[in-house]
Amino acid sequence: MIIAIEGIDGAGKNTLVKNLSAHIDIKVLSFPRYGESIHADLASRALHGGCGDLVDSIYGMATMFALDRHGALDTLQKYAESEELLLCDRYIASNAAYSMARSGDRAIANWVKELECEELSLPTPRLQVLLSTDPQTAAQRARNRETADSTRSRDAYERDNTLQTRTFEAYLQLAEENWLSPWLVTDSAEEILKHLRG
């Protein structure tokens, strides 16, 4: 089955995934797949000032991230059809939340769903977990991470604190609606484990 861990930049997704990996047998797949996917790498280049005006296009960037996931379709389908657990560090909802935040339009989430789930045939996750870290804390973590690691420069999305706040609000709306599949809003690995074992 596929479990998606969602959250804004600096929310602690990587830490949570490591904590879960220490307690249960899971495979982890992180999106975007930088260094593995041409679509992810083009999106990264755009977010760091390259690729002309690509970063200005909400639909263009969303399509790059969707195509990155489509490149992992065989792996995603394998786990969706089994009881083995695949933990996705970001998945389809990240595209919906960031696109909603950038456009101010809830309807764009429907476009993302049609693109990723219908046209690209990506399987829906069994559960989606939104990390409840507040945007101010997440933004400080992202700044600290950049300071501590000279190879981790923040991209255009990460530097835009108002975008991060709007994205968190969009995530909360999707979670409240149980968009695509059931959601759990927490920052506790223990609560997620309890949910999975229950």
N, C-alpha and C. Protein backbone atom coordinates (compact mmCIF):
# COMPACT_ATOMS: atom_id res chain seq x y z
N MET A 1 0.84 -1.19 0.00
CA MET A 1 0.00 0.00 0.00
C MET A 1 0.88 1.24 0.00
N ILE A 2 0.32 2.35 -0.42
CA ILE A 2 1.06 3.60 -0.49
C ILE A 2 0.57 4.55 0.60
N ILE A 3 1.50 5.06 1.40
CA ILE A 3 1.21 6.08 2.40
C ILE A 3 1.98 7.33 1.98
N ALA A 4 1.30 8.45 1.88
CA ALA A 4 1.94 9.70 1.48
C ALA A 4 2.16 10.59 2.70
N ILE A 5 3.38 11.07 2.85
CA ILE A 5 3.70 12.03 3.91
C ILE A 5 3.78 13.41 3.25
N GLU A 6 2.92 14.32 3.67
CA GLU A 6 2.81 15.63 3.03
C GLU A 6 3.16 16.74 4.02
N GLY A 7 3.58 17.87 3.49
CA GLY A 7 3.87 19.02 4.34
C GLY A 7 4.69 20.04 3.60
N ILE A 8 4.72 21.24 4.13
CA ILE A 8 5.48 22.32 3.51
C ILE A 8 6.97 22.12 3.77
N ASP A 9 7.79 22.92 3.09
CA ASP A 9 9.23 22.82 3.24
C ASP A 9 9.64 23.13 4.68
N GLY A 10 10.45 22.25 5.27
CA GLY A 10 10.89 22.43 6.65
C GLY A 10 9.94 21.85 7.68
N ALA A 11 8.88 21.18 7.23
CA ALA A 11 7.90 20.64 8.18
C ALA A 11 8.43 19.44 8.96
N GLY A 12 9.48 18.78 8.43
CA GLY A 12 10.04 17.63 9.12
C GLY A 12 9.70 16.30 8.48
N LYS A 13 9.37 16.32 7.19
CA LYS A 13 8.99 15.09 6.50
C LYS A 13 10.13 14.05 6.54
N ASN A 14 11.34 14.49 6.23
CA ASN A 14 12.46 13.56 6.19
C ASN A 14 12.72 12.93 7.56
N THR A 15 12.64 13.73 8.62
CA THR A 15 12.83 13.22 9.98
C THR A 15 11.75 12.21 10.33
N LEU A 16 10.52 12.52 9.98
CA LEU A 16 9.41 11.61 10.28
C LEU A 16 9.58 10.29 9.53
N VAL A 17 9.97 10.38 8.27
CA VAL A 17 10.17 9.17 7.47
C VAL A 17 11.26 8.30 8.10
N LYS A 18 12.34 8.91 8.56
CA LYS A 18 13.41 8.15 9.22
C LYS A 18 12.91 7.48 10.50
N ASN A 19 12.10 8.21 11.28
CA ASN A 19 11.55 7.63 12.51
C ASN A 19 10.66 6.44 12.22
N LEU A 20 9.83 6.56 11.19
CA LEU A 20 8.94 5.45 10.83
C LEU A 20 9.75 4.26 10.32
N SER A 21 10.78 4.55 9.54
CA SER A 21 11.63 3.48 8.98
C SER A 21 12.32 2.67 10.07
N ALA A 22 12.56 3.30 11.21
CA ALA A 22 13.23 2.61 12.32
C ALA A 22 12.29 1.63 13.03
N HIS A 23 10.96 1.78 12.79
CA HIS A 23 10.01 0.96 13.53
C HIS A 23 9.26 -0.05 12.66
N ILE A 24 9.14 0.21 11.39
CA ILE A 24 8.41 -0.71 10.52
C ILE A 24 9.18 -0.90 9.22
N ASP A 25 8.89 -2.02 8.56
CA ASP A 25 9.57 -2.37 7.32
C ASP A 25 8.89 -1.64 6.16
N ILE A 26 9.54 -0.63 5.63
CA ILE A 26 8.97 0.15 4.56
C ILE A 26 10.03 0.48 3.51
N LYS A 27 9.55 0.73 2.31
CA LYS A 27 10.40 1.31 1.27
C LYS A 27 10.00 2.77 1.19
N VAL A 28 10.98 3.64 0.98
CA VAL A 28 10.72 5.08 0.91
C VAL A 28 11.02 5.57 -0.51
N LEU A 29 10.10 6.36 -1.03
CA LEU A 29 10.28 6.99 -2.33
C LEU A 29 10.01 8.48 -2.16
N SER A 30 11.02 9.30 -2.40
CA SER A 30 10.89 10.74 -2.19
C SER A 30 10.66 11.45 -3.52
N PHE A 31 9.69 12.35 -3.52
CA PHE A 31 9.43 13.21 -4.67
C PHE A 31 9.66 14.66 -4.27
N PRO A 32 10.21 15.47 -5.18
CA PRO A 32 10.69 15.16 -6.52
C PRO A 32 11.93 14.28 -6.47
N ARG A 33 12.16 13.51 -7.53
CA ARG A 33 13.29 12.58 -7.59
C ARG A 33 14.48 13.28 -8.25
N TYR A 34 15.00 14.29 -7.56
CA TYR A 34 16.13 15.05 -8.09
C TYR A 34 17.32 14.12 -8.34
N GLY A 35 17.97 14.29 -9.50
CA GLY A 35 19.11 13.47 -9.84
C GLY A 35 18.74 12.16 -10.51
N GLU A 36 17.43 11.82 -10.53
CA GLU A 36 16.96 10.58 -11.15
C GLU A 36 16.00 10.85 -12.29
N SER A 37 15.31 11.97 -12.26
CA SER A 37 14.24 12.27 -13.20
C SER A 37 14.53 13.59 -13.91
N ILE A 38 14.49 13.57 -15.24
CA ILE A 38 14.73 14.80 -16.00
C ILE A 38 13.67 15.85 -15.68
N HIS A 39 12.44 15.42 -15.45
CA HIS A 39 11.37 16.37 -15.14
C HIS A 39 11.61 17.04 -13.78
N ALA A 40 12.04 16.26 -12.79
CA ALA A 40 12.36 16.84 -11.48
C ALA A 40 13.54 17.79 -11.59
N ASP A 41 14.54 17.41 -12.37
CA ASP A 41 15.73 18.26 -12.50
C ASP A 41 15.41 19.56 -13.24
N LEU A 42 14.54 19.50 -14.24
CA LEU A 42 14.12 20.73 -14.93
C LEU A 42 13.34 21.64 -13.98
N ALA A 43 12.47 21.05 -13.16
CA ALA A 43 11.72 21.84 -12.18
C ALA A 43 12.67 22.50 -11.19
N SER A 44 13.68 21.74 -10.73
CA SER A 44 14.66 22.30 -9.81
C SER A 44 15.42 23.46 -10.45
N ARG A 45 15.81 23.27 -11.70
CA ARG A 45 16.53 24.33 -12.40
C ARG A 45 15.66 25.59 -12.49
N ALA A 46 14.38 25.40 -12.78
CA ALA A 46 13.46 26.54 -12.86
C ALA A 46 13.33 27.24 -11.50
N LEU A 47 13.25 26.44 -10.44
CA LEU A 47 13.10 27.00 -9.09
C LEU A 47 14.34 27.75 -8.62
N HIS A 48 15.46 27.50 -9.29
CA HIS A 48 16.71 28.20 -8.94
C HIS A 48 17.11 29.22 -10.00
N GLY A 49 16.14 29.65 -10.80
CA GLY A 49 16.38 30.76 -11.72
C GLY A 49 16.67 30.40 -13.15
N GLY A 50 16.64 29.12 -13.50
CA GLY A 50 16.88 28.70 -14.88
C GLY A 50 15.59 28.43 -15.62
N CYS A 51 15.69 27.96 -16.84
CA CYS A 51 14.54 27.55 -17.66
C CYS A 51 13.59 28.70 -17.98
N GLY A 52 14.14 29.89 -18.14
CA GLY A 52 13.31 31.03 -18.55
C GLY A 52 12.17 31.30 -17.59
N ASP A 53 10.96 31.39 -18.14
CA ASP A 53 9.80 31.74 -17.30
C ASP A 53 8.99 30.52 -16.86
N LEU A 54 9.59 29.32 -16.93
CA LEU A 54 8.87 28.11 -16.53
C LEU A 54 8.34 28.22 -15.11
N VAL A 55 9.14 28.73 -14.19
CA VAL A 55 8.73 28.80 -12.79
C VAL A 55 7.50 29.68 -12.60
N ASP A 56 7.24 30.60 -13.53
CA ASP A 56 6.08 31.47 -13.42
C ASP A 56 4.78 30.76 -13.78
N SER A 57 4.88 29.63 -14.46
CA SER A 57 3.70 28.90 -14.91
C SER A 57 3.28 27.87 -13.86
N ILE A 58 2.12 28.08 -13.27
CA ILE A 58 1.60 27.14 -12.27
C ILE A 58 1.38 25.77 -12.91
N TYR A 59 0.76 25.77 -14.08
CA TYR A 59 0.46 24.51 -14.76
C TYR A 59 1.74 23.86 -15.28
N GLY A 60 2.69 24.66 -15.73
CA GLY A 60 3.94 24.11 -16.23
C GLY A 60 4.72 23.40 -15.13
N MET A 61 4.85 24.04 -13.98
CA MET A 61 5.57 23.42 -12.87
C MET A 61 4.82 22.19 -12.35
N ALA A 62 3.51 22.29 -12.25
CA ALA A 62 2.72 21.14 -11.78
C ALA A 62 2.87 19.96 -12.72
N THR A 63 2.94 20.23 -14.02
CA THR A 63 3.12 19.15 -15.00
C THR A 63 4.49 18.50 -14.85
N MET A 64 5.53 19.30 -14.62
CA MET A 64 6.87 18.73 -14.41
C MET A 64 6.87 17.77 -13.22
N PHE A 65 6.26 18.18 -12.10
CA PHE A 65 6.24 17.33 -10.91
C PHE A 65 5.39 16.08 -11.14
N ALA A 66 4.28 16.23 -11.89
CA ALA A 66 3.43 15.07 -12.19
C ALA A 66 4.18 14.07 -13.06
N LEU A 67 4.90 14.55 -14.07
CA LEU A 67 5.66 13.67 -14.94
C LEU A 67 6.80 12.98 -14.20
N ASP A 68 7.37 13.65 -13.21
CA ASP A 68 8.37 13.01 -12.36
C ASP A 68 7.76 11.79 -11.67
N ARG A 69 6.57 11.94 -11.11
CA ARG A 69 5.92 10.80 -10.45
C ARG A 69 5.58 9.70 -11.46
N HIS A 70 5.15 10.11 -12.65
CA HIS A 70 4.80 9.13 -13.67
C HIS A 70 6.01 8.27 -14.03
N GLY A 71 7.19 8.84 -13.93
CA GLY A 71 8.41 8.08 -14.21
C GLY A 71 8.65 6.94 -13.23
N ALA A 72 7.97 6.99 -12.08
CA ALA A 72 8.09 5.93 -11.06
C ALA A 72 6.84 5.05 -11.04
N LEU A 73 6.07 5.07 -12.12
CA LEU A 73 4.78 4.40 -12.14
C LEU A 73 4.88 2.91 -11.85
N ASP A 74 5.87 2.22 -12.40
CA ASP A 74 5.99 0.78 -12.18
C ASP A 74 6.14 0.46 -10.69
N THR A 75 6.99 1.22 -10.01
CA THR A 75 7.19 1.02 -8.57
C THR A 75 5.91 1.33 -7.80
N LEU A 76 5.26 2.43 -8.15
CA LEU A 76 4.03 2.83 -7.46
C LEU A 76 2.93 1.79 -7.63
N GLN A 77 2.76 1.29 -8.84
CA GLN A 77 1.72 0.28 -9.08
C GLN A 77 2.02 -1.02 -8.35
N LYS A 78 3.29 -1.39 -8.30
CA LYS A 78 3.68 -2.62 -7.60
C LYS A 78 3.24 -2.56 -6.13
N TYR A 79 3.50 -1.44 -5.47
CA TYR A 79 3.16 -1.34 -4.05
C TYR A 79 1.67 -1.10 -3.83
N ALA A 80 1.03 -0.40 -4.76
CA ALA A 80 -0.41 -0.15 -4.62
C ALA A 80 -1.20 -1.45 -4.65
N GLU A 81 -0.66 -2.46 -5.33
CA GLU A 81 -1.37 -3.73 -5.50
C GLU A 81 -0.91 -4.80 -4.50
N SER A 82 -0.11 -4.40 -3.51
CA SER A 82 0.38 -5.37 -2.52
C SER A 82 0.14 -4.84 -1.11
N GLU A 83 0.44 -5.66 -0.13
CA GLU A 83 0.33 -5.23 1.26
C GLU A 83 1.65 -4.69 1.79
N GLU A 84 2.69 -4.73 0.95
CA GLU A 84 3.96 -4.12 1.33
C GLU A 84 3.77 -2.60 1.38
N LEU A 85 4.52 -1.95 2.25
CA LEU A 85 4.30 -0.53 2.50
C LEU A 85 5.33 0.33 1.79
N LEU A 86 4.83 1.24 0.96
CA LEU A 86 5.66 2.24 0.31
C LEU A 86 5.30 3.59 0.90
N LEU A 87 6.29 4.24 1.47
CA LEU A 87 6.09 5.56 2.06
C LEU A 87 6.60 6.60 1.06
N CYS A 88 5.72 7.47 0.60
CA CYS A 88 6.10 8.52 -0.33
C CYS A 88 6.30 9.82 0.44
N ASP A 89 7.52 10.34 0.36
CA ASP A 89 7.83 11.65 0.92
C ASP A 89 7.39 12.67 -0.12
N ARG A 90 6.18 13.14 0.02
CA ARG A 90 5.43 13.95 -0.92
C ARG A 90 4.85 13.07 -2.04
N TYR A 91 3.62 13.44 -2.43
CA TYR A 91 2.97 12.69 -3.50
C TYR A 91 2.00 13.64 -4.23
N ILE A 92 0.90 13.14 -4.70
CA ILE A 92 0.01 13.93 -5.56
C ILE A 92 -0.52 15.18 -4.87
N ALA A 93 -0.86 15.07 -3.59
CA ALA A 93 -1.44 16.21 -2.88
C ALA A 93 -0.51 17.41 -2.80
N SER A 94 0.80 17.17 -2.86
CA SER A 94 1.73 18.30 -2.83
C SER A 94 1.53 19.19 -4.05
N ASN A 95 1.27 18.56 -5.20
CA ASN A 95 1.01 19.32 -6.41
C ASN A 95 -0.27 20.13 -6.28
N ALA A 96 -1.29 19.51 -5.71
CA ALA A 96 -2.57 20.19 -5.53
C ALA A 96 -2.43 21.38 -4.56
N ALA A 97 -1.76 21.15 -3.43
CA ALA A 97 -1.65 22.20 -2.41
C ALA A 97 -0.84 23.39 -2.91
N TYR A 98 0.33 23.12 -3.51
CA TYR A 98 1.15 24.23 -4.00
C TYR A 98 0.47 24.96 -5.15
N SER A 99 -0.23 24.22 -6.01
CA SER A 99 -0.94 24.86 -7.13
C SER A 99 -2.10 25.71 -6.62
N MET A 100 -2.81 25.21 -5.63
CA MET A 100 -3.89 26.00 -5.02
C MET A 100 -3.33 27.27 -4.40
N ALA A 101 -2.22 27.14 -3.69
CA ALA A 101 -1.62 28.28 -3.00
C ALA A 101 -1.13 29.33 -4.00
N ARG A 102 -0.57 28.88 -5.11
CA ARG A 102 -0.03 29.81 -6.10
C ARG A 102 -1.14 30.49 -6.89
N SER A 103 -2.24 29.77 -7.15
CA SER A 103 -3.31 30.30 -8.00
C SER A 103 -4.44 30.95 -7.22
N GLY A 104 -4.62 30.54 -5.95
CA GLY A 104 -5.77 31.02 -5.19
C GLY A 104 -7.06 30.37 -5.63
N ASP A 105 -6.96 29.26 -6.36
CA ASP A 105 -8.13 28.62 -6.96
C ASP A 105 -8.23 27.17 -6.50
N ARG A 106 -9.28 26.83 -5.77
CA ARG A 106 -9.49 25.46 -5.30
C ARG A 106 -9.68 24.50 -6.46
N ALA A 107 -10.25 24.97 -7.57
CA ALA A 107 -10.56 24.10 -8.70
C ALA A 107 -9.32 23.47 -9.33
N ILE A 108 -8.17 24.09 -9.14
CA ILE A 108 -6.96 23.53 -9.75
C ILE A 108 -6.60 22.17 -9.16
N ALA A 109 -7.07 21.90 -7.95
CA ALA A 109 -6.84 20.58 -7.36
C ALA A 109 -7.54 19.51 -8.19
N ASN A 110 -8.69 19.83 -8.76
CA ASN A 110 -9.40 18.87 -9.61
C ASN A 110 -8.59 18.60 -10.88
N TRP A 111 -7.95 19.65 -11.42
CA TRP A 111 -7.11 19.48 -12.61
C TRP A 111 -5.93 18.57 -12.28
N VAL A 112 -5.32 18.77 -11.11
CA VAL A 112 -4.20 17.92 -10.69
C VAL A 112 -4.66 16.46 -10.57
N LYS A 113 -5.81 16.26 -9.98
CA LYS A 113 -6.34 14.91 -9.83
C LYS A 113 -6.57 14.25 -11.19
N GLU A 114 -7.15 14.98 -12.11
CA GLU A 114 -7.39 14.44 -13.45
C GLU A 114 -6.07 14.11 -14.14
N LEU A 115 -5.10 15.02 -14.04
CA LEU A 115 -3.81 14.81 -14.69
C LEU A 115 -3.09 13.60 -14.12
N GLU A 116 -2.94 13.56 -12.80
CA GLU A 116 -2.11 12.54 -12.18
C GLU A 116 -2.81 11.19 -12.04
N CYS A 117 -4.06 11.20 -11.62
CA CYS A 117 -4.75 9.94 -11.34
C CYS A 117 -5.42 9.34 -12.57
N GLU A 118 -5.89 10.19 -13.47
CA GLU A 118 -6.61 9.68 -14.63
C GLU A 118 -5.71 9.60 -15.86
N GLU A 119 -5.15 10.73 -16.28
CA GLU A 119 -4.33 10.73 -17.50
C GLU A 119 -3.01 9.97 -17.31
N LEU A 120 -2.36 10.13 -16.15
CA LEU A 120 -1.08 9.48 -15.91
C LEU A 120 -1.21 8.17 -15.12
N SER A 121 -2.43 7.84 -14.69
CA SER A 121 -2.74 6.55 -14.03
C SER A 121 -1.96 6.29 -12.75
N LEU A 122 -1.63 7.36 -12.00
CA LEU A 122 -0.94 7.17 -10.72
C LEU A 122 -1.93 6.62 -9.69
N PRO A 123 -1.54 5.61 -8.92
CA PRO A 123 -2.44 5.04 -7.91
C PRO A 123 -2.66 6.01 -6.74
N THR A 124 -3.85 5.97 -6.19
CA THR A 124 -4.13 6.82 -5.03
C THR A 124 -3.53 6.19 -3.78
N PRO A 125 -3.10 7.03 -2.85
CA PRO A 125 -2.53 6.48 -1.61
C PRO A 125 -3.62 5.92 -0.70
N ARG A 126 -3.25 4.96 0.13
CA ARG A 126 -4.20 4.41 1.11
C ARG A 126 -4.45 5.43 2.21
N LEU A 127 -3.42 6.17 2.58
CA LEU A 127 -3.50 7.18 3.64
C LEU A 127 -2.58 8.33 3.29
N GLN A 128 -3.01 9.55 3.64
CA GLN A 128 -2.18 10.73 3.47
C GLN A 128 -2.00 11.39 4.84
N VAL A 129 -0.75 11.68 5.18
CA VAL A 129 -0.43 12.26 6.48
C VAL A 129 0.10 13.67 6.25
N LEU A 130 -0.58 14.65 6.84
CA LEU A 130 -0.12 16.03 6.77
C LEU A 130 0.60 16.37 8.07
N LEU A 131 1.87 16.77 7.95
CA LEU A 131 2.60 17.19 9.14
C LEU A 131 2.04 18.53 9.61
N SER A 132 1.72 18.59 10.89
CA SER A 132 1.02 19.76 11.44
C SER A 132 1.95 20.86 11.90
N THR A 133 3.22 20.80 11.52
CA THR A 133 4.19 21.85 11.89
C THR A 133 3.73 23.20 11.38
N ASP A 134 3.72 24.21 12.25
CA ASP A 134 3.25 25.53 11.81
C ASP A 134 4.26 26.15 10.84
N PRO A 135 3.78 27.00 9.92
CA PRO A 135 4.63 27.55 8.86
C PRO A 135 5.83 28.34 9.38
N GLN A 136 5.72 29.04 10.50
CA GLN A 136 6.84 29.82 11.02
C GLN A 136 7.98 28.90 11.46
N THR A 137 7.64 27.84 12.16
CA THR A 137 8.65 26.87 12.58
C THR A 137 9.29 26.19 11.38
N ALA A 138 8.47 25.82 10.40
CA ALA A 138 8.99 25.17 9.20
C ALA A 138 9.94 26.09 8.44
N ALA A 139 9.58 27.38 8.34
CA ALA A 139 10.42 28.34 7.62
C ALA A 139 11.77 28.50 8.31
N GLN A 140 11.77 28.53 9.65
CA GLN A 140 13.02 28.65 10.38
C GLN A 140 13.89 27.42 10.18
N ARG A 141 13.28 26.25 10.17
CA ARG A 141 14.03 25.02 9.92
C ARG A 141 14.67 25.04 8.54
N ALA A 142 13.92 25.52 7.54
CA ALA A 142 14.47 25.58 6.17
C ALA A 142 15.65 26.54 6.10
N ARG A 143 15.55 27.66 6.82
CA ARG A 143 16.67 28.62 6.85
C ARG A 143 17.88 28.01 7.55
N ASN A 144 17.63 27.33 8.67
CA ASN A 144 18.73 26.69 9.41
C ASN A 144 19.41 25.61 8.58
N ARG A 145 18.61 24.86 7.82
CA ARG A 145 19.15 23.80 6.98
C ARG A 145 20.06 24.38 5.90
N GLU A 146 19.64 25.51 5.32
CA GLU A 146 20.45 26.17 4.30
C GLU A 146 21.76 26.68 4.88
N THR A 147 21.70 27.23 6.11
CA THR A 147 22.91 27.75 6.76
C THR A 147 23.89 26.64 7.09
N ALA A 148 23.34 25.50 7.54
CA ALA A 148 24.20 24.39 7.96
C ALA A 148 24.79 23.60 6.80
N ASP A 149 24.15 23.66 5.64
CA ASP A 149 24.60 22.86 4.50
C ASP A 149 24.70 23.75 3.27
N SER A 150 25.93 24.05 2.87
CA SER A 150 26.15 24.98 1.75
C SER A 150 25.63 24.44 0.42
N THR A 151 25.35 23.13 0.36
CA THR A 151 24.83 22.56 -0.88
C THR A 151 23.31 22.64 -0.96
N ARG A 152 22.67 23.11 0.12
CA ARG A 152 21.20 23.14 0.18
C ARG A 152 20.68 24.58 0.12
N SER A 153 20.78 25.22 -1.03
CA SER A 153 20.23 26.57 -1.15
C SER A 153 18.72 26.48 -1.33
N ARG A 154 18.00 27.34 -0.64
CA ARG A 154 16.54 27.33 -0.74
C ARG A 154 16.11 27.77 -2.14
N ASP A 155 15.07 27.11 -2.67
CA ASP A 155 14.57 27.47 -3.98
C ASP A 155 13.51 28.57 -3.87
N ALA A 156 12.95 28.96 -5.00
CA ALA A 156 11.99 30.07 -5.03
C ALA A 156 10.78 29.81 -4.15
N TYR A 157 10.29 28.57 -4.11
CA TYR A 157 9.15 28.24 -3.26
C TYR A 157 9.52 28.32 -1.79
N GLU A 158 10.69 27.80 -1.45
CA GLU A 158 11.12 27.76 -0.04
C GLU A 158 11.39 29.15 0.50
N ARG A 159 11.84 30.07 -0.34
CA ARG A 159 12.14 31.43 0.12
C ARG A 159 10.89 32.29 0.29
N ASP A 160 9.78 31.84 -0.26
CA ASP A 160 8.53 32.62 -0.23
C ASP A 160 7.69 32.18 0.98
N ASN A 161 7.87 32.90 2.09
CA ASN A 161 7.17 32.52 3.32
C ASN A 161 5.66 32.60 3.20
N THR A 162 5.17 33.59 2.45
CA THR A 162 3.71 33.69 2.30
C THR A 162 3.17 32.52 1.48
N LEU A 163 3.95 32.06 0.50
CA LEU A 163 3.53 30.89 -0.27
C LEU A 163 3.48 29.66 0.63
N GLN A 164 4.47 29.50 1.50
CA GLN A 164 4.48 28.36 2.41
C GLN A 164 3.25 28.37 3.32
N THR A 165 2.89 29.56 3.81
CA THR A 165 1.70 29.67 4.67
C THR A 165 0.43 29.33 3.91
N ARG A 166 0.31 29.85 2.69
CA ARG A 166 -0.87 29.56 1.87
C ARG A 166 -0.93 28.08 1.50
N THR A 167 0.23 27.48 1.28
CA THR A 167 0.28 26.05 0.95
C THR A 167 -0.18 25.22 2.13
N PHE A 168 0.26 25.59 3.33
CA PHE A 168 -0.18 24.86 4.53
C PHE A 168 -1.70 24.96 4.67
N GLU A 169 -2.25 26.14 4.42
CA GLU A 169 -3.71 26.32 4.49
C GLU A 169 -4.41 25.47 3.44
N ALA A 170 -3.82 25.38 2.25
CA ALA A 170 -4.40 24.54 1.19
C ALA A 170 -4.35 23.07 1.60
N TYR A 171 -3.25 22.66 2.18
CA TYR A 171 -3.14 21.28 2.68
C TYR A 171 -4.24 20.99 3.70
N LEU A 172 -4.45 21.91 4.63
CA LEU A 172 -5.48 21.72 5.65
C LEU A 172 -6.86 21.55 5.01
N GLN A 173 -7.11 22.32 3.97
CA GLN A 173 -8.40 22.21 3.27
C GLN A 173 -8.54 20.84 2.61
N LEU A 174 -7.48 20.38 1.96
CA LEU A 174 -7.51 19.06 1.33
C LEU A 174 -7.71 17.96 2.38
N ALA A 175 -7.02 18.10 3.51
CA ALA A 175 -7.14 17.09 4.57
C ALA A 175 -8.56 17.06 5.13
N GLU A 176 -9.14 18.23 5.31
CA GLU A 176 -10.50 18.30 5.85
C GLU A 176 -11.50 17.63 4.91
N GLU A 177 -11.22 17.71 3.61
CA GLU A 177 -12.11 17.11 2.61
C GLU A 177 -11.81 15.63 2.38
N ASN A 178 -10.73 15.11 2.98
CA ASN A 178 -10.25 13.77 2.66
C ASN A 178 -10.07 13.61 1.15
N TRP A 179 -9.40 14.60 0.57
CA TRP A 179 -9.17 14.64 -0.87
C TRP A 179 -8.36 13.44 -1.31
N LEU A 180 -8.85 12.71 -2.28
CA LEU A 180 -8.27 11.48 -2.85
C LEU A 180 -8.43 10.26 -1.96
N SER A 181 -8.15 10.40 -0.66
CA SER A 181 -8.21 9.26 0.27
C SER A 181 -8.18 9.81 1.69
N PRO A 182 -8.29 8.96 2.72
CA PRO A 182 -8.28 9.45 4.10
C PRO A 182 -6.98 10.17 4.47
N TRP A 183 -7.11 11.15 5.39
CA TRP A 183 -5.97 11.94 5.86
C TRP A 183 -5.84 11.82 7.37
N LEU A 184 -4.61 12.03 7.83
CA LEU A 184 -4.29 12.13 9.25
C LEU A 184 -3.41 13.36 9.39
N VAL A 185 -3.79 14.27 10.29
CA VAL A 185 -3.00 15.49 10.51
C VAL A 185 -2.29 15.36 11.84
N THR A 186 -0.96 15.25 11.80
CA THR A 186 -0.18 15.03 13.01
C THR A 186 1.29 15.29 12.72
N ASP A 187 2.10 15.36 13.76
CA ASP A 187 3.56 15.37 13.56
C ASP A 187 4.19 14.25 14.39
N SER A 188 3.36 13.30 14.82
CA SER A 188 3.79 12.23 15.71
C SER A 188 3.95 10.91 14.95
N ALA A 189 5.17 10.38 14.94
CA ALA A 189 5.40 9.07 14.34
C ALA A 189 4.60 8.00 15.08
N GLU A 190 4.49 8.15 16.41
CA GLU A 190 3.77 7.18 17.22
C GLU A 190 2.29 7.11 16.80
N GLU A 191 1.70 8.27 16.54
CA GLU A 191 0.29 8.29 16.14
C GLU A 191 0.09 7.62 14.78
N ILE A 192 1.04 7.85 13.87
CA ILE A 192 0.95 7.22 12.55
C ILE A 192 1.10 5.71 12.68
N LEU A 193 2.05 5.25 13.49
CA LEU A 193 2.24 3.82 13.69
C LEU A 193 0.99 3.18 14.30
N LYS A 194 0.40 3.87 15.25
CA LYS A 194 -0.81 3.37 15.90
C LYS A 194 -1.92 3.24 14.84
N HIS A 195 -2.03 4.23 13.99
CA HIS A 195 -3.05 4.21 12.95
C HIS A 195 -2.81 3.03 11.98
N LEU A 196 -1.57 2.81 11.59
CA LEU A 196 -1.25 1.74 10.66
C LEU A 196 -1.47 0.37 11.26
N ARG A 197 -1.19 0.25 12.55
CA ARG A 197 -1.33 -1.05 13.21
C ARG A 197 -2.76 -1.32 13.66
N GLY A 198 -3.57 -0.25 13.72
CA GLY A 198 -4.94 -0.41 14.18
C GLY A 198 -5.87 -0.86 13.10
